[in-house]
Amino acid sequence: MNAEFDAGLKAITQSSARLTGEIGEYIFDAGGKRMRPQMVMRMAESLGLAAETVMPLAYTVELLHTASLLHDDVVDEAAVRRSRPTVNNVYGERPALLAGDYMFASGLDLICKLGQPAIMLDLIETIKSMTEGELRELEQANQFHADLSIYTDIIYLKTGRLFEFCTWAPGVLAGLDEAKLTALRDYGRLIGLAFQIVDDIVDVTPGDATDKDAFNDVVEGKSTMPLMCLFQVKPELMEQMAGIVAADERRQLVRDNLTKDMLEGSRYQAQMFVNTANFVMEAQGLLTDELRAIGDTIIAQLNGRF
């Protein structure tokens, strides 16, 4: 995505309340991968759709993602995100929550104007799933486990469901049949799962020693893929981790015990999801070089980290 897209996001967050626009500028000036709108645009290109046809989808998914981060940071009482102070840290919790609400509403407004009831209904289900995933994760906090099914259920709801929407909705606009739409859903879901696993690995392999975001998942008591690989080898650490309150002690315990083999095992899981995603698209004659590159780019984030 480019500066023009970011300018559009900032324009959408302008309102009669100064803070919505100010918070929007604070967030979107920071940049970012814009992975979800990229998924929309690449899928649209592969299906022969004009960019302007799917631009409301691209804006919507980034607004929803950003709103969910604003809410997450309040729930987690996070002070830093990507080495910058969080919105709740700079502006306060109530402005952060309300700005998130405004972004959710703005995304829904854009989709309503598309005039596609199926897409609107699926977006609502996506928002419900994202919320359910966050609640499931809260319920599991500090209950460390090595259960892959629990983990994949949660990351599908939290992350995979929105990726699924990103790849499915352009197919609806393109008028694809049900078999192809199912493939688009499966592709988005699987790429989303791979994306989250890679994000989990990045959390425990900081780029430098001063990375303030490092090991946040560990501190928050989340059983991520690298931690589950650790617990499968050293199950006694589950109880030990749960008994540690101090953030630095948790970080150190993971640093001392997490091995390269465990990280490679996590990367393997992500790669398997990418491979399966490509397979389901290829089976329907939908896989393009651009779509194949999405999975490659996600996995490539791990190059040189361990």
Protein backbone atom coordinates (compact mmCIF):
# COMPACT_ATOMS: atom_id res chain seq x y z
CA MET A 1 0.00 0.00 0.00
CA ASN A 2 1.13 3.61 -0.42
CA ALA A 3 0.93 7.13 1.01
CA GLU A 4 -2.29 7.78 -0.91
CA PHE A 5 -3.96 4.84 0.84
CA ASP A 6 -2.77 6.07 4.25
CA ALA A 7 -4.08 9.54 3.44
CA GLY A 8 -7.45 7.97 2.69
CA LEU A 9 -7.45 6.21 6.06
CA LYS A 10 -6.69 9.48 7.84
CA ALA A 11 -9.47 11.24 5.92
CA ILE A 12 -11.98 8.58 6.96
CA THR A 13 -11.16 9.12 10.65
CA GLN A 14 -11.86 12.86 10.50
CA SER A 15 -15.02 13.90 12.33
CA SER A 16 -16.46 16.81 14.30
CA ALA A 17 -14.55 15.44 17.30
CA ARG A 18 -10.91 16.53 17.07
CA LEU A 19 -9.60 13.40 18.76
CA THR A 20 -10.79 10.92 16.13
CA GLY A 21 -8.73 12.64 13.44
CA GLU A 22 -5.78 13.26 15.75
CA ILE A 23 -5.66 9.62 16.82
CA GLY A 24 -6.09 8.50 13.22
CA GLU A 25 -3.11 10.59 12.16
CA TYR A 26 -1.03 9.31 15.07
CA ILE A 27 -1.73 5.70 14.07
CA PHE A 28 -1.57 5.90 10.30
CA ASP A 29 1.46 8.21 10.16
CA ALA A 30 3.41 5.38 11.82
CA GLY A 31 3.08 3.27 8.67
CA GLY A 32 2.93 -0.51 8.75
CA LYS A 33 2.71 -3.54 6.48
CA ARG A 34 -1.02 -3.04 5.73
CA MET A 35 -1.15 -6.80 5.20
CA ARG A 36 -4.93 -7.09 5.18
CA PRO A 37 -5.64 -4.44 2.53
CA GLN A 38 -2.76 -5.89 0.52
CA MET A 39 -4.56 -9.24 0.61
CA VAL A 40 -7.71 -7.57 -0.71
CA MET A 41 -5.89 -5.77 -3.51
CA ARG A 42 -3.80 -8.77 -4.60
CA MET A 43 -6.83 -11.02 -4.65
CA ALA A 44 -8.75 -8.43 -6.66
CA GLU A 45 -5.91 -8.17 -9.16
CA SER A 46 -5.73 -11.94 -9.54
CA LEU A 47 -9.49 -12.01 -10.24
CA GLY A 48 -9.35 -9.16 -12.76
CA LEU A 49 -11.19 -6.63 -10.59
CA ALA A 50 -10.40 -2.92 -10.84
CA ALA A 51 -8.72 -1.41 -7.79
CA GLU A 52 -11.50 1.13 -7.27
CA THR A 53 -14.05 -1.69 -7.05
CA VAL A 54 -12.45 -3.17 -3.94
CA MET A 55 -11.01 -0.03 -2.34
CA PRO A 56 -13.90 0.16 0.19
CA LEU A 57 -13.00 -3.41 1.24
CA ALA A 58 -9.34 -2.48 1.60
CA TYR A 59 -10.12 0.52 3.79
CA THR A 60 -12.61 -1.45 5.84
CA VAL A 61 -10.30 -4.32 6.76
CA GLU A 62 -7.53 -1.93 7.84
CA LEU A 63 -9.98 0.11 9.91
CA LEU A 64 -11.29 -3.04 11.60
CA HIS A 65 -7.80 -4.32 12.27
CA THR A 66 -6.70 -0.97 13.70
CA ALA A 67 -9.82 -0.69 15.86
CA SER A 68 -9.17 -4.15 17.27
CA LEU A 69 -5.59 -3.15 18.16
CA LEU A 70 -6.83 -0.03 19.94
CA HIS A 71 -9.21 -2.14 22.01
CA ASP A 72 -6.57 -4.84 22.61
CA ASP A 73 -4.07 -2.33 23.95
CA VAL A 74 -6.61 -1.02 26.44
CA VAL A 75 -7.55 -4.53 27.57
CA ASP A 76 -3.87 -5.53 27.86
CA GLU A 77 -2.89 -2.18 29.44
CA ALA A 78 -0.14 -2.05 26.82
CA ALA A 79 2.18 0.95 26.89
CA VAL A 80 4.17 0.26 23.71
CA ARG A 81 3.30 -1.12 20.26
CA ARG A 82 5.98 -1.46 17.58
CA SER A 83 8.36 0.64 19.67
CA ARG A 84 5.91 3.57 19.90
CA PRO A 85 3.70 4.60 22.83
CA THR A 86 0.20 3.15 22.40
CA VAL A 87 -2.80 5.40 21.83
CA ASN A 88 -4.12 4.61 25.31
CA ASN A 89 -0.74 5.63 26.71
CA VAL A 90 -0.71 8.95 24.84
CA TYR A 91 -4.39 9.94 24.79
CA GLY A 92 -5.93 7.81 27.53
CA GLU A 93 -8.10 4.70 27.61
CA ARG A 94 -11.47 6.31 26.87
CA PRO A 95 -10.31 8.20 23.76
CA ALA A 96 -8.60 5.01 22.52
CA LEU A 97 -11.76 2.94 22.95
CA LEU A 98 -13.99 5.57 21.36
CA ALA A 99 -11.62 6.06 18.42
CA GLY A 100 -11.73 2.29 17.91
CA ASP A 101 -15.53 2.39 17.96
CA TYR A 102 -15.49 5.16 15.36
CA MET A 103 -13.24 3.10 13.10
CA PHE A 104 -15.50 0.06 13.42
CA ALA A 105 -18.51 2.19 12.49
CA SER A 106 -16.65 3.80 9.58
CA GLY A 107 -15.76 0.38 8.18
CA LEU A 108 -19.36 -0.78 8.41
CA ASP A 109 -20.48 2.40 6.66
CA LEU A 110 -18.14 1.73 3.73
CA ILE A 111 -19.39 -1.83 3.34
CA CYS A 112 -23.06 -0.79 3.54
CA LYS A 113 -22.47 1.52 0.60
CA LEU A 114 -21.23 -1.40 -1.51
CA GLY A 115 -24.79 -2.70 -1.65
CA GLN A 116 -23.73 -6.32 -1.16
CA PRO A 117 -25.80 -7.88 1.68
CA ALA A 118 -23.74 -11.10 1.71
CA ILE A 119 -20.53 -9.15 2.26
CA MET A 120 -22.14 -7.01 4.95
CA LEU A 121 -23.42 -10.07 6.83
CA ASP A 122 -20.07 -11.81 6.60
CA LEU A 123 -18.29 -8.74 7.91
CA ILE A 124 -20.58 -8.73 10.95
CA GLU A 125 -19.77 -12.40 11.55
CA THR A 126 -16.09 -11.54 11.19
CA ILE A 127 -16.31 -8.85 13.88
CA LYS A 128 -18.14 -11.27 16.17
CA SER A 129 -15.44 -13.89 15.60
CA MET A 130 -12.64 -11.42 16.34
CA THR A 131 -14.31 -10.44 19.59
CA GLU A 132 -14.92 -14.07 20.51
CA GLY A 133 -11.26 -14.83 19.85
CA GLU A 134 -10.10 -12.05 22.15
CA LEU A 135 -12.42 -13.28 24.90
CA ARG A 136 -11.21 -16.86 24.43
CA GLU A 137 -7.64 -15.66 24.73
CA LEU A 138 -8.48 -13.76 27.92
CA GLU A 139 -10.05 -16.92 29.35
CA GLN A 140 -6.88 -18.87 28.54
CA ALA A 141 -4.45 -16.23 29.86
CA ASN A 142 -1.82 -17.74 32.19
CA GLN A 143 -3.30 -21.22 31.69
CA PHE A 144 -0.24 -22.37 29.79
CA HIS A 145 -0.81 -25.41 27.58
CA ALA A 146 0.52 -27.30 24.56
CA ASP A 147 -2.87 -27.99 22.94
CA LEU A 148 -2.64 -27.16 19.23
CA SER A 149 -6.43 -27.30 18.74
CA ILE A 150 -7.07 -24.63 21.40
CA TYR A 151 -4.36 -22.45 19.91
CA THR A 152 -5.54 -22.75 16.30
CA ASP A 153 -9.17 -22.13 17.30
CA ILE A 154 -8.17 -18.87 19.00
CA ILE A 155 -5.86 -17.58 16.27
CA TYR A 156 -8.45 -18.42 13.62
CA LEU A 157 -11.02 -16.30 15.43
CA LYS A 158 -8.58 -13.50 16.24
CA THR A 159 -6.65 -13.35 12.97
CA GLY A 160 -7.64 -15.95 10.40
CA ARG A 161 -11.28 -14.91 10.18
CA LEU A 162 -10.44 -11.39 8.98
CA PHE A 163 -7.91 -12.75 6.48
CA GLU A 164 -10.65 -15.08 5.27
CA PHE A 165 -12.94 -12.09 4.69
CA CYS A 166 -10.13 -10.27 2.82
CA THR A 167 -9.81 -13.05 0.25
CA TRP A 168 -13.46 -14.13 0.03
CA ALA A 169 -15.17 -10.75 -0.43
CA PRO A 170 -13.37 -9.87 -3.71
CA GLY A 171 -14.54 -13.24 -5.03
CA VAL A 172 -18.14 -12.29 -4.28
CA LEU A 173 -17.70 -9.04 -6.21
CA ALA A 174 -16.18 -11.06 -9.08
CA GLY A 175 -19.21 -13.38 -9.17
CA LEU A 176 -17.32 -16.63 -8.52
CA ASP A 177 -19.15 -19.90 -7.95
CA GLU A 178 -19.39 -21.54 -4.51
CA ALA A 179 -16.50 -23.96 -5.05
CA LYS A 180 -14.14 -21.12 -5.87
CA LEU A 181 -15.47 -18.95 -3.03
CA THR A 182 -14.81 -21.81 -0.62
CA ALA A 183 -11.24 -22.03 -1.91
CA LEU A 184 -10.81 -18.29 -1.35
CA ARG A 185 -12.06 -18.68 2.23
CA ASP A 186 -9.72 -21.59 2.89
CA TYR A 187 -6.80 -19.70 1.40
CA GLY A 188 -7.40 -16.62 3.55
CA ARG A 189 -7.89 -18.68 6.70
CA LEU A 190 -4.69 -20.67 6.19
CA ILE A 191 -2.61 -17.63 5.29
CA GLY A 192 -3.99 -15.90 8.38
CA LEU A 193 -2.95 -18.81 10.60
CA ALA A 194 0.55 -18.76 9.10
CA PHE A 195 0.74 -15.00 9.59
CA GLN A 196 -0.14 -15.31 13.28
CA ILE A 197 2.38 -18.08 13.90
CA VAL A 198 5.11 -15.97 12.29
CA ASP A 199 4.03 -13.04 14.47
CA ASP A 200 4.34 -15.31 17.51
CA ILE A 201 7.86 -16.29 16.49
CA VAL A 202 8.85 -12.66 15.95
CA ASP A 203 7.69 -11.91 19.50
CA VAL A 204 10.32 -14.25 20.97
CA THR A 205 13.12 -13.46 18.48
CA PRO A 206 13.60 -9.69 18.87
CA GLY A 207 15.64 -7.91 16.24
CA ASP A 208 17.76 -6.22 18.91
CA ALA A 209 18.20 -6.25 22.67
CA THR A 210 16.38 -2.93 23.11
CA ASP A 211 13.15 -4.07 21.43
CA LYS A 212 10.47 -3.00 23.92
CA ASP A 213 7.84 -5.17 22.26
CA ALA A 214 9.83 -8.38 22.72
CA PHE A 215 8.25 -11.24 24.67
CA ASN A 216 4.96 -9.36 25.15
CA ASP A 217 2.99 -12.55 24.50
CA VAL A 218 4.99 -14.33 27.19
CA VAL A 219 4.35 -11.55 29.71
CA GLU A 220 0.62 -11.56 28.89
CA GLY A 221 0.39 -15.30 29.53
CA LYS A 222 -0.41 -16.43 25.99
CA SER A 223 0.41 -19.97 24.87
CA THR A 224 1.81 -19.17 21.43
CA MET A 225 3.25 -21.65 18.94
CA PRO A 226 6.89 -21.27 20.09
CA LEU A 227 5.83 -21.70 23.72
CA MET A 228 3.82 -24.81 22.89
CA CYS A 229 6.86 -26.28 21.13
CA LEU A 230 8.81 -25.52 24.31
CA PHE A 231 6.16 -27.07 26.56
CA GLN A 232 6.01 -30.23 24.44
CA VAL A 233 9.70 -30.80 25.20
CA LYS A 234 9.66 -29.45 28.77
CA PRO A 235 6.10 -29.82 30.11
CA GLU A 236 7.23 -28.98 33.65
CA LEU A 237 7.74 -25.38 32.52
CA MET A 238 3.98 -24.85 32.08
CA GLU A 239 3.40 -24.86 35.83
CA GLN A 240 6.58 -22.91 36.44
CA MET A 241 5.54 -20.18 33.98
CA ALA A 242 2.08 -19.89 35.51
CA GLY A 243 3.65 -19.36 38.94
CA ILE A 244 5.83 -16.45 37.79
CA VAL A 245 4.36 -12.97 38.06
CA ALA A 246 7.37 -10.77 37.30
CA ALA A 247 7.61 -9.94 33.58
CA ASP A 248 11.41 -10.04 33.46
CA GLU A 249 11.48 -13.48 35.08
CA ARG A 250 9.06 -14.85 32.49
CA ARG A 251 11.14 -13.41 29.67
CA GLN A 252 14.31 -14.90 31.08
CA LEU A 253 12.80 -18.34 31.55
CA VAL A 254 11.83 -18.44 27.88
CA ARG A 255 15.19 -17.08 26.74
CA ASP A 256 16.98 -19.76 28.76
CA ASN A 257 14.91 -22.68 27.43
CA LEU A 258 13.67 -21.87 23.92
CA THR A 259 15.91 -23.52 21.33
CA LYS A 260 16.46 -23.09 17.61
CA ASP A 261 14.82 -26.48 17.00
CA MET A 262 11.66 -25.26 18.73
CA LEU A 263 11.62 -22.12 16.59
CA GLU A 264 12.19 -24.22 13.48
CA GLY A 265 9.25 -26.39 14.53
CA SER A 266 7.08 -23.29 14.76
CA ARG A 267 8.26 -22.09 11.36
CA TYR A 268 7.46 -25.52 9.91
CA GLN A 269 3.85 -25.23 11.12
CA ALA A 270 3.52 -21.83 9.44
CA GLN A 271 5.04 -23.16 6.21
CA MET A 272 2.60 -26.09 6.19
CA PHE A 273 -0.34 -23.67 6.39
CA VAL A 274 1.11 -21.66 3.49
CA ASN A 275 1.65 -24.80 1.41
CA THR A 276 -1.92 -25.97 2.03
CA ALA A 277 -3.27 -22.51 1.18
CA ASN A 278 -1.47 -22.60 -2.16
CA PHE A 279 -2.68 -26.15 -2.83
CA VAL A 280 -6.39 -25.33 -2.36
CA MET A 281 -6.09 -22.36 -4.71
CA GLU A 282 -4.17 -24.36 -7.30
CA ALA A 283 -6.84 -27.07 -7.21
CA GLN A 284 -9.39 -24.48 -8.36
CA GLY A 285 -7.09 -22.91 -10.93
CA LEU A 286 -6.90 -19.70 -8.89
CA LEU A 287 -3.28 -19.62 -7.75
CA THR A 288 -1.23 -16.83 -9.31
CA ASP A 289 2.40 -15.85 -8.79
CA GLU A 290 1.21 -12.79 -6.86
CA LEU A 291 -0.85 -14.91 -4.45
CA ARG A 292 1.95 -17.44 -4.03
CA ALA A 293 4.26 -14.54 -3.13
CA ILE A 294 2.04 -13.58 -0.17
CA GLY A 295 2.90 -16.74 1.73
CA ASP A 296 6.56 -16.48 0.76
CA THR A 297 6.69 -12.92 2.07
CA ILE A 298 5.13 -13.92 5.39
CA ILE A 299 7.63 -16.73 5.99
CA ALA A 300 10.53 -14.53 4.84
CA GLN A 301 9.99 -12.27 7.86
CA LEU A 302 11.82 -14.94 9.85
CA ASN A 303 14.99 -14.87 7.75
CA GLY A 304 18.00 -14.21 9.94
CA ARG A 305 16.06 -14.09 13.20
CA PHE A 306 17.35 -17.40 14.57
